[in-house]
Amino acid sequence: MTTKRVLVGLVIVVAVSVSTSHAQQSADPRVADIVHAGKLRVGLGVGSPVLALKDPTTGEIRGPALDLARALAKKIGVEVAPVEYPRPGAVLAGLKNNEWDLTFLVADPARQADADFSPPYMQSDFTYLVPASSSKRSVTDLDQQGVHIAVPRGDASDLRLTQMLKHAELVRLDSIGAAIEMVHAAKVDAYAAPRVVLFALSDKAPGSRVLDDGFANISWVAMVPKGKADHIAYVSDFLEEAKASGLIKHTIDQAKLRGLQVAPPGKVN
């Protein structure tokens, strides 16, 4: 009889535990569909230290975007399911096949047709990395006839400079690594990217310089597919909490990123 009572008690405890866990997961109706799916699919554009890097030996992906995604998934009560892309600019192509629920990218007006944005959570500026042999000292020196500027195809620097440049020519490449190789070999006059990215990559092109001035201020935001108003509201609340708690600052410090700041509090872009 005692054994039966113990077994019955265990069944009750397990049932209550499962019920409580489900109630905690389902508490916010804005993410009920994600809870039902049991996972948060996160689009990760590999190659930017601000977002995600891939270890060439182990294949492990790490970086601030994945750290934040894990924290968000933990809050929701589901697993993270990374969806990998070769570069940040390729992530939005995944919307065509409904490949992800959430991503983190530079906020650019050209992307608002496809995705809804959270308020900014990090900020920096765009500038250039120039080869060791370059005489260029400012961004105005680069918008000249005959100047070639490398950008990763479809990335925020490509989108921004396509609108801004009057004379220089963009060289669109399919990987950040290819762009850095061209800078190192002085096959282009500059590589355009967020300052924080250039600081992190300059060591791979010895002697290269990050210019002191920039050509545009930028912010990083979370994005969800259009029509997911509940999702972006939930994610926006999460990011505001992450700013206030110091989580965003921790992810920046942990990745040892220079030239990057936590965005100020705010509910609007």
C-alpha atoms as a PDB file:
ATOM      1  CA  MET A   1       0.000   0.000   0.000  1.00  0.00           C
ATOM      2  CA  THR A   2       2.819   2.378   0.874  1.00  0.00           C
ATOM      3  CA  THR A   3       4.508   1.750  -2.477  1.00  0.00           C
ATOM      4  CA  LYS A   4       1.243   2.428  -4.325  1.00  0.00           C
ATOM      5  CA  ARG A   5       0.782   5.693  -2.439  1.00  0.00           C
ATOM      6  CA  VAL A   6       4.333   6.762  -3.345  1.00  0.00           C
ATOM      7  CA  LEU A   7       3.734   5.972  -7.009  1.00  0.00           C
ATOM      8  CA  VAL A   8       0.442   7.840  -6.999  1.00  0.00           C
ATOM      9  CA  GLY A   9       2.152  10.770  -5.334  1.00  0.00           C
ATOM     10  CA  LEU A  10       4.883  10.812  -7.971  1.00  0.00           C
ATOM     11  CA  VAL A  11       2.322  10.777 -10.758  1.00  0.00           C
ATOM     12  CA  ILE A  12       0.525  13.731  -9.194  1.00  0.00           C
ATOM     13  CA  VAL A  13       3.791  15.667  -8.763  1.00  0.00           C
ATOM     14  CA  VAL A  14       4.810  15.039 -12.382  1.00  0.00           C
ATOM     15  CA  ALA A  15       1.350  16.006 -13.646  1.00  0.00           C
ATOM     16  CA  VAL A  16       1.358  19.224 -11.625  1.00  0.00           C
ATOM     17  CA  SER A  17       4.900  20.004 -12.800  1.00  0.00           C
ATOM     18  CA  VAL A  18       4.004  19.526 -16.460  1.00  0.00           C
ATOM     19  CA  SER A  19       0.816  21.552 -16.046  1.00  0.00           C
ATOM     20  CA  THR A  20       2.706  24.367 -14.314  1.00  0.00           C
ATOM     21  CA  SER A  21       5.419  24.383 -16.987  1.00  0.00           C
ATOM     22  CA  HIS A  22       2.816  24.542 -19.736  1.00  0.00           C
ATOM     23  CA  ALA A  23       1.001  27.353 -17.951  1.00  0.00           C
ATOM     24  CA  GLN A  24       4.249  29.321 -17.635  1.00  0.00           C
ATOM     25  CA  GLN A  25       5.042  28.857 -21.333  1.00  0.00           C
ATOM     26  CA  SER A  26       1.547  29.789 -22.431  1.00  0.00           C
ATOM     27  CA  ALA A  27       1.208  32.809 -20.131  1.00  0.00           C
ATOM     28  CA  ASP A  28       1.726  35.350 -22.931  1.00  0.00           C
ATOM     29  CA  PRO A  29      -0.626  34.815 -25.870  1.00  0.00           C
ATOM     30  CA  ARG A  30       1.630  36.864 -28.158  1.00  0.00           C
ATOM     31  CA  VAL A  31       3.998  33.887 -28.525  1.00  0.00           C
ATOM     32  CA  ALA A  32       1.506  31.047 -28.135  1.00  0.00           C
ATOM     33  CA  ASP A  33       2.243  29.747 -31.644  1.00  0.00           C
ATOM     34  CA  ILE A  34       5.980  29.586 -30.910  1.00  0.00           C
ATOM     35  CA  VAL A  35       5.277  27.728 -27.678  1.00  0.00           C
ATOM     36  CA  HIS A  36       3.090  25.311 -29.610  1.00  0.00           C
ATOM     37  CA  ALA A  37       5.900  24.748 -32.149  1.00  0.00           C
ATOM     38  CA  GLY A  38       8.359  24.134 -29.302  1.00  0.00           C
ATOM     39  CA  LYS A  39      11.174  26.111 -30.896  1.00  0.00           C
ATOM     40  CA  LEU A  40      12.253  29.604 -31.881  1.00  0.00           C
ATOM     41  CA  ARG A  41      13.755  29.617 -35.381  1.00  0.00           C
ATOM     42  CA  VAL A  42      16.464  32.275 -35.533  1.00  0.00           C
ATOM     43  CA  GLY A  43      17.988  33.452 -38.816  1.00  0.00           C
ATOM     44  CA  LEU A  44      21.741  33.989 -38.335  1.00  0.00           C
ATOM     45  CA  GLY A  45      23.876  35.712 -40.955  1.00  0.00           C
ATOM     46  CA  VAL A  46      27.354  34.297 -40.378  1.00  0.00           C
ATOM     47  CA  GLY A  47      30.501  36.400 -40.747  1.00  0.00           C
ATOM     48  CA  SER A  48      29.808  39.493 -38.664  1.00  0.00           C
ATOM     49  CA  PRO A  49      31.248  39.507 -35.114  1.00  0.00           C
ATOM     50  CA  VAL A  50      28.334  41.717 -34.091  1.00  0.00           C
ATOM     51  CA  LEU A  51      25.908  38.925 -35.004  1.00  0.00           C
ATOM     52  CA  ALA A  52      27.394  35.463 -35.470  1.00  0.00           C
ATOM     53  CA  LEU A  53      30.682  33.768 -36.350  1.00  0.00           C
ATOM     54  CA  LYS A  54      31.284  30.144 -37.324  1.00  0.00           C
ATOM     55  CA  ASP A  55      34.303  28.200 -36.125  1.00  0.00           C
ATOM     56  CA  PRO A  56      35.929  26.812 -39.309  1.00  0.00           C
ATOM     57  CA  THR A  57      37.166  23.719 -37.456  1.00  0.00           C
ATOM     58  CA  THR A  58      34.222  22.705 -35.292  1.00  0.00           C
ATOM     59  CA  GLY A  59      31.408  24.370 -37.215  1.00  0.00           C
ATOM     60  CA  GLU A  60      30.130  25.891 -33.969  1.00  0.00           C
ATOM     61  CA  ILE A  61      28.228  29.170 -34.313  1.00  0.00           C
ATOM     62  CA  ARG A  62      28.612  31.803 -31.616  1.00  0.00           C
ATOM     63  CA  GLY A  63      28.010  35.510 -31.181  1.00  0.00           C
ATOM     64  CA  PRO A  64      25.747  38.184 -29.683  1.00  0.00           C
ATOM     65  CA  ALA A  65      22.760  37.404 -31.900  1.00  0.00           C
ATOM     66  CA  LEU A  66      22.753  33.758 -30.838  1.00  0.00           C
ATOM     67  CA  ASP A  67      23.263  34.736 -27.179  1.00  0.00           C
ATOM     68  CA  LEU A  68      20.223  37.008 -27.297  1.00  0.00           C
ATOM     69  CA  ALA A  69      18.180  34.406 -29.147  1.00  0.00           C
ATOM     70  CA  ARG A  70      18.951  31.834 -26.460  1.00  0.00           C
ATOM     71  CA  ALA A  71      17.937  34.246 -23.711  1.00  0.00           C
ATOM     72  CA  LEU A  72      14.682  35.025 -25.532  1.00  0.00           C
ATOM     73  CA  ALA A  73      13.923  31.352 -26.141  1.00  0.00           C
ATOM     74  CA  LYS A  74      14.539  30.617 -22.461  1.00  0.00           C
ATOM     75  CA  LYS A  75      12.086  33.354 -21.510  1.00  0.00           C
ATOM     76  CA  ILE A  76       9.462  31.918 -23.865  1.00  0.00           C
ATOM     77  CA  GLY A  77      10.188  28.371 -22.706  1.00  0.00           C
ATOM     78  CA  VAL A  78      11.285  26.794 -25.998  1.00  0.00           C
ATOM     79  CA  GLU A  79      14.460  25.627 -27.752  1.00  0.00           C
ATOM     80  CA  VAL A  80      16.523  27.712 -30.162  1.00  0.00           C
ATOM     81  CA  ALA A  81      16.708  26.444 -33.742  1.00  0.00           C
ATOM     82  CA  PRO A  82      19.465  28.372 -35.597  1.00  0.00           C
ATOM     83  CA  VAL A  83      18.934  28.831 -39.343  1.00  0.00           C
ATOM     84  CA  GLU A  84      22.293  29.648 -40.904  1.00  0.00           C
ATOM     85  CA  TYR A  85      22.993  31.985 -43.837  1.00  0.00           C
ATOM     86  CA  PRO A  86      26.385  32.762 -45.426  1.00  0.00           C
ATOM     87  CA  ARG A  87      26.227  36.477 -44.599  1.00  0.00           C
ATOM     88  CA  PRO A  88      23.801  38.883 -42.875  1.00  0.00           C
ATOM     89  CA  GLY A  89      22.504  40.239 -46.173  1.00  0.00           C
ATOM     90  CA  ALA A  90      21.279  36.781 -47.179  1.00  0.00           C
ATOM     91  CA  VAL A  91      18.982  36.287 -44.181  1.00  0.00           C
ATOM     92  CA  LEU A  92      15.927  38.056 -45.574  1.00  0.00           C
ATOM     93  CA  ALA A  93      15.868  35.671 -48.536  1.00  0.00           C
ATOM     94  CA  GLY A  94      14.663  33.069 -46.038  1.00  0.00           C
ATOM     95  CA  LEU A  95      11.343  34.871 -45.740  1.00  0.00           C
ATOM     96  CA  LYS A  96      10.240  33.466 -49.085  1.00  0.00           C
ATOM     97  CA  ASN A  97      10.068  29.970 -47.621  1.00  0.00           C
ATOM     98  CA  ASN A  98       9.090  30.926 -44.058  1.00  0.00           C
ATOM     99  CA  GLU A  99      12.448  29.696 -42.755  1.00  0.00           C
ATOM    100  CA  TRP A 100      12.724  31.742 -39.544  1.00  0.00           C
ATOM    101  CA  ASP A 101      10.693  33.505 -36.848  1.00  0.00           C
ATOM    102  CA  LEU A 102      13.264  36.077 -35.763  1.00  0.00           C
ATOM    103  CA  THR A 103      16.540  37.614 -36.857  1.00  0.00           C
ATOM    104  CA  PHE A 104      18.898  40.392 -35.794  1.00  0.00           C
ATOM    105  CA  LEU A 105      20.199  42.828 -38.431  1.00  0.00           C
ATOM    106  CA  VAL A 106      21.136  46.440 -39.093  1.00  0.00           C
ATOM    107  CA  ALA A 107      18.003  48.563 -39.419  1.00  0.00           C
ATOM    108  CA  ASP A 108      17.701  49.836 -42.977  1.00  0.00           C
ATOM    109  CA  PRO A 109      14.587  51.348 -44.609  1.00  0.00           C
ATOM    110  CA  ALA A 110      15.013  48.985 -47.576  1.00  0.00           C
ATOM    111  CA  ARG A 111      14.303  46.043 -45.263  1.00  0.00           C
ATOM    112  CA  GLN A 112      11.035  47.391 -43.881  1.00  0.00           C
ATOM    113  CA  ALA A 113       9.088  46.109 -46.875  1.00  0.00           C
ATOM    114  CA  ASP A 114       9.805  42.542 -45.747  1.00  0.00           C
ATOM    115  CA  ALA A 115      10.100  42.695 -41.964  1.00  0.00           C
ATOM    116  CA  ASP A 116       8.931  44.596 -38.894  1.00  0.00           C
ATOM    117  CA  PHE A 117      11.569  46.094 -36.584  1.00  0.00           C
ATOM    118  CA  SER A 118      12.014  46.295 -32.834  1.00  0.00           C
ATOM    119  CA  PRO A 119      13.499  49.438 -31.292  1.00  0.00           C
ATOM    120  CA  PRO A 120      17.317  49.519 -31.675  1.00  0.00           C
ATOM    121  CA  TYR A 121      19.291  47.552 -29.108  1.00  0.00           C
ATOM    122  CA  MET A 122      22.868  48.378 -30.261  1.00  0.00           C
ATOM    123  CA  GLN A 123      24.377  51.225 -32.269  1.00  0.00           C
ATOM    124  CA  SER A 124      27.555  52.216 -34.087  1.00  0.00           C
ATOM    125  CA  ASP A 125      28.433  53.853 -37.410  1.00  0.00           C
ATOM    126  CA  PHE A 126      29.477  52.868 -40.932  1.00  0.00           C
ATOM    127  CA  THR A 127      33.012  53.612 -42.091  1.00  0.00           C
ATOM    128  CA  TYR A 128      35.802  52.152 -44.226  1.00  0.00           C
ATOM    129  CA  LEU A 129      38.756  49.824 -43.847  1.00  0.00           C
ATOM    130  CA  VAL A 130      41.573  50.813 -46.230  1.00  0.00           C
ATOM    131  CA  PRO A 131      44.739  48.899 -47.221  1.00  0.00           C
ATOM    132  CA  ALA A 132      48.119  49.662 -45.665  1.00  0.00           C
ATOM    133  CA  SER A 133      49.232  51.422 -48.857  1.00  0.00           C
ATOM    134  CA  SER A 134      46.193  53.722 -49.020  1.00  0.00           C
ATOM    135  CA  SER A 135      46.480  57.511 -48.887  1.00  0.00           C
ATOM    136  CA  LYS A 136      42.743  57.860 -48.103  1.00  0.00           C
ATOM    137  CA  ARG A 137      42.092  59.591 -44.775  1.00  0.00           C
ATOM    138  CA  SER A 138      38.382  60.400 -44.750  1.00  0.00           C
ATOM    139  CA  VAL A 139      35.109  59.138 -46.196  1.00  0.00           C
ATOM    140  CA  THR A 140      35.001  62.029 -48.671  1.00  0.00           C
ATOM    141  CA  ASP A 141      38.302  60.841 -50.156  1.00  0.00           C
ATOM    142  CA  LEU A 142      36.594  57.636 -51.233  1.00  0.00           C
ATOM    143  CA  ASP A 143      33.622  58.909 -53.220  1.00  0.00           C
ATOM    144  CA  GLN A 144      35.774  59.667 -56.258  1.00  0.00           C
ATOM    145  CA  GLN A 145      35.948  58.450 -59.838  1.00  0.00           C
ATOM    146  CA  GLY A 146      38.006  55.280 -60.190  1.00  0.00           C
ATOM    147  CA  VAL A 147      37.598  54.241 -56.544  1.00  0.00           C
ATOM    148  CA  HIS A 148      36.374  50.697 -55.878  1.00  0.00           C
ATOM    149  CA  ILE A 149      34.676  49.860 -52.561  1.00  0.00           C
ATOM    150  CA  ALA A 150      34.002  46.266 -51.526  1.00  0.00           C
ATOM    151  CA  VAL A 151      30.754  45.371 -49.759  1.00  0.00           C
ATOM    152  CA  PRO A 152      29.096  42.042 -48.912  1.00  0.00           C
ATOM    153  CA  ARG A 153      26.214  41.651 -51.349  1.00  0.00           C
ATOM    154  CA  GLY A 154      22.885  42.728 -49.862  1.00  0.00           C
ATOM    155  CA  ASP A 155      24.351  43.750 -46.508  1.00  0.00           C
ATOM    156  CA  ALA A 156      23.442  47.040 -44.859  1.00  0.00           C
ATOM    157  CA  SER A 157      26.605  48.756 -46.128  1.00  0.00           C
ATOM    158  CA  ASP A 158      25.665  47.763 -49.693  1.00  0.00           C
ATOM    159  CA  LEU A 159      22.124  49.100 -49.249  1.00  0.00           C
ATOM    160  CA  ARG A 160      23.286  52.379 -47.729  1.00  0.00           C
ATOM    161  CA  LEU A 161      26.119  53.132 -50.182  1.00  0.00           C
ATOM    162  CA  THR A 162      23.941  52.266 -53.172  1.00  0.00           C
ATOM    163  CA  GLN A 163      21.884  55.304 -52.190  1.00  0.00           C
ATOM    164  CA  MET A 164      24.754  57.566 -51.148  1.00  0.00           C
ATOM    165  CA  LEU A 165      27.681  57.206 -53.551  1.00  0.00           C
ATOM    166  CA  LYS A 166      27.937  59.614 -56.474  1.00  0.00           C
ATOM    167  CA  HIS A 167      31.217  58.590 -58.098  1.00  0.00           C
ATOM    168  CA  ALA A 168      32.848  55.521 -56.511  1.00  0.00           C
ATOM    169  CA  GLU A 169      31.958  52.025 -57.702  1.00  0.00           C
ATOM    170  CA  LEU A 170      30.747  49.215 -55.447  1.00  0.00           C
ATOM    171  CA  VAL A 171      32.265  45.747 -55.741  1.00  0.00           C
ATOM    172  CA  ARG A 172      29.666  43.327 -54.394  1.00  0.00           C
ATOM    173  CA  LEU A 173      31.045  40.094 -52.978  1.00  0.00           C
ATOM    174  CA  ASP A 174      29.351  36.986 -51.608  1.00  0.00           C
ATOM    175  CA  SER A 175      31.291  36.742 -48.351  1.00  0.00           C
ATOM    176  CA  ILE A 176      32.899  39.048 -45.808  1.00  0.00           C
ATOM    177  CA  GLY A 177      36.050  36.930 -45.999  1.00  0.00           C
ATOM    178  CA  ALA A 178      36.399  37.610 -49.726  1.00  0.00           C
ATOM    179  CA  ALA A 179      36.139  41.346 -49.104  1.00  0.00           C
ATOM    180  CA  ILE A 180      38.872  41.252 -46.464  1.00  0.00           C
ATOM    181  CA  GLU A 181      41.169  39.308 -48.809  1.00  0.00           C
ATOM    182  CA  MET A 182      40.723  41.998 -51.457  1.00  0.00           C
ATOM    183  CA  VAL A 183      41.567  44.740 -48.949  1.00  0.00           C
ATOM    184  CA  HIS A 184      44.668  42.853 -47.800  1.00  0.00           C
ATOM    185  CA  ALA A 185      45.799  42.439 -51.403  1.00  0.00           C
ATOM    186  CA  ALA A 186      44.912  46.084 -52.219  1.00  0.00           C
ATOM    187  CA  LYS A 187      42.610  44.907 -55.011  1.00  0.00           C
ATOM    188  CA  VAL A 188      39.990  47.408 -53.814  1.00  0.00           C
ATOM    189  CA  ASP A 189      40.365  50.864 -52.291  1.00  0.00           C
ATOM    190  CA  ALA A 190      38.259  50.130 -49.235  1.00  0.00           C
ATOM    191  CA  TYR A 191      35.841  47.784 -47.522  1.00  0.00           C
ATOM    192  CA  ALA A 192      32.652  49.313 -46.076  1.00  0.00           C
ATOM    193  CA  ALA A 193      31.049  47.964 -42.911  1.00  0.00           C
ATOM    194  CA  PRO A 194      30.031  48.948 -39.374  1.00  0.00           C
ATOM    195  CA  ARG A 195      32.979  50.340 -37.423  1.00  0.00           C
ATOM    196  CA  VAL A 196      32.717  47.582 -34.839  1.00  0.00           C
ATOM    197  CA  VAL A 197      33.028  44.954 -37.585  1.00  0.00           C
ATOM    198  CA  LEU A 198      36.050  46.659 -39.117  1.00  0.00           C
ATOM    199  CA  PHE A 199      37.871  46.842 -35.781  1.00  0.00           C
ATOM    200  CA  ALA A 200      37.336  43.118 -35.344  1.00  0.00           C
ATOM    201  CA  LEU A 201      38.450  42.274 -38.894  1.00  0.00           C
ATOM    202  CA  SER A 202      41.409  44.653 -39.266  1.00  0.00           C
ATOM    203  CA  ASP A 203      43.730  42.133 -37.608  1.00  0.00           C
ATOM    204  CA  LYS A 204      43.165  39.844 -40.607  1.00  0.00           C
ATOM    205  CA  ALA A 205      44.596  42.503 -42.922  1.00  0.00           C
ATOM    206  CA  PRO A 206      47.820  43.666 -41.179  1.00  0.00           C
ATOM    207  CA  GLY A 207      48.582  47.346 -41.693  1.00  0.00           C
ATOM    208  CA  SER A 208      45.041  48.186 -42.771  1.00  0.00           C
ATOM    209  CA  ARG A 209      43.368  51.207 -41.170  1.00  0.00           C
ATOM    210  CA  VAL A 210      39.857  51.996 -39.982  1.00  0.00           C
ATOM    211  CA  LEU A 211      39.037  55.601 -40.892  1.00  0.00           C
ATOM    212  CA  ASP A 212      38.298  57.995 -38.041  1.00  0.00           C
ATOM    213  CA  ASP A 213      35.118  59.427 -39.542  1.00  0.00           C
ATOM    214  CA  GLY A 214      31.998  57.590 -40.674  1.00  0.00           C
ATOM    215  CA  PHE A 215      29.416  57.972 -43.415  1.00  0.00           C
ATOM    216  CA  ALA A 216      26.240  57.007 -41.509  1.00  0.00           C
ATOM    217  CA  ASN A 217      25.011  56.116 -38.030  1.00  0.00           C
ATOM    218  CA  ILE A 218      23.495  52.659 -37.715  1.00  0.00           C
ATOM    219  CA  SER A 219      21.451  50.606 -35.286  1.00  0.00           C
ATOM    220  CA  TRP A 220      20.840  46.889 -34.842  1.00  0.00           C
ATOM    221  CA  VAL A 221      17.298  45.675 -34.329  1.00  0.00           C
ATOM    222  CA  ALA A 222      15.369  42.442 -34.067  1.00  0.00           C
ATOM    223  CA  MET A 223      13.199  41.665 -37.092  1.00  0.00           C
ATOM    224  CA  VAL A 224      10.218  39.398 -37.610  1.00  0.00           C
ATOM    225  CA  PRO A 225       8.292  38.666 -40.822  1.00  0.00           C
ATOM    226  CA  LYS A 226       5.625  41.168 -41.776  1.00  0.00           C
ATOM    227  CA  GLY A 227       2.234  40.511 -40.235  1.00  0.00           C
ATOM    228  CA  LYS A 228       3.588  39.198 -36.904  1.00  0.00           C
ATOM    229  CA  ALA A 229       2.645  42.183 -34.736  1.00  0.00           C
ATOM    230  CA  ASP A 230       2.354  40.099 -31.566  1.00  0.00           C
ATOM    231  CA  HIS A 231       5.820  38.639 -32.065  1.00  0.00           C
ATOM    232  CA  ILE A 232       7.585  41.964 -32.574  1.00  0.00           C
ATOM    233  CA  ALA A 233       5.777  43.447 -29.549  1.00  0.00           C
ATOM    234  CA  TYR A 234       6.964  40.571 -27.362  1.00  0.00           C
ATOM    235  CA  VAL A 235      10.529  40.728 -28.705  1.00  0.00           C
ATOM    236  CA  SER A 236      10.621  44.511 -28.266  1.00  0.00           C
ATOM    237  CA  ASP A 237       9.640  44.156 -24.613  1.00  0.00           C
ATOM    238  CA  PHE A 238      12.353  41.515 -24.172  1.00  0.00           C
ATOM    239  CA  LEU A 239      15.026  43.787 -25.667  1.00  0.00           C
ATOM    240  CA  GLU A 240      14.011  46.733 -23.514  1.00  0.00           C
ATOM    241  CA  GLU A 241      14.365  44.486 -20.462  1.00  0.00           C
ATOM    242  CA  ALA A 242      17.726  43.259 -21.792  1.00  0.00           C
ATOM    243  CA  LYS A 243      18.973  46.835 -22.103  1.00  0.00           C
ATOM    244  CA  ALA A 244      17.835  47.730 -18.601  1.00  0.00           C
ATOM    245  CA  SER A 245      19.219  44.574 -16.984  1.00  0.00           C
ATOM    246  CA  GLY A 246      22.652  44.880 -18.566  1.00  0.00           C
ATOM    247  CA  LEU A 247      22.272  41.777 -20.761  1.00  0.00           C
ATOM    248  CA  ILE A 248      22.998  43.697 -23.989  1.00  0.00           C
ATOM    249  CA  LYS A 249      26.096  45.275 -22.425  1.00  0.00           C
ATOM    250  CA  HIS A 250      27.223  41.837 -21.273  1.00  0.00           C
ATOM    251  CA  THR A 251      26.949  40.374 -24.781  1.00  0.00           C
ATOM    252  CA  ILE A 252      29.011  43.265 -26.178  1.00  0.00           C
ATOM    253  CA  ASP A 253      31.696  42.898 -23.516  1.00  0.00           C
ATOM    254  CA  GLN A 254      31.767  39.108 -23.812  1.00  0.00           C
ATOM    255  CA  ALA A 255      32.417  39.368 -27.564  1.00  0.00           C
ATOM    256  CA  LYS A 256      35.098  42.048 -26.911  1.00  0.00           C
ATOM    257  CA  LEU A 257      33.579  44.402 -29.452  1.00  0.00           C
ATOM    258  CA  ARG A 258      34.927  47.941 -29.820  1.00  0.00           C
ATOM    259  CA  GLY A 259      33.025  50.847 -31.333  1.00  0.00           C
ATOM    260  CA  LEU A 260      29.627  49.483 -30.267  1.00  0.00           C
ATOM    261  CA  GLN A 261      27.204  50.874 -27.687  1.00  0.00           C
ATOM    262  CA  VAL A 262      23.927  49.846 -26.106  1.00  0.00           C
ATOM    263  CA  ALA A 263      21.079  51.814 -27.661  1.00  0.00           C
ATOM    264  CA  PRO A 264      19.150  54.106 -25.296  1.00  0.00           C
ATOM    265  CA  PRO A 265      15.741  53.026 -23.972  1.00  0.00           C
ATOM    266  CA  GLY A 266      12.874  53.592 -26.327  1.00  0.00           C
ATOM    267  CA  LYS A 267       9.708  52.067 -27.683  1.00  0.00           C
ATOM    268  CA  VAL A 268       9.905  53.524 -31.160  1.00  0.00           C
ATOM    269  CA  ASN A 269      12.499  53.254 -33.957  1.00  0.00           C
END
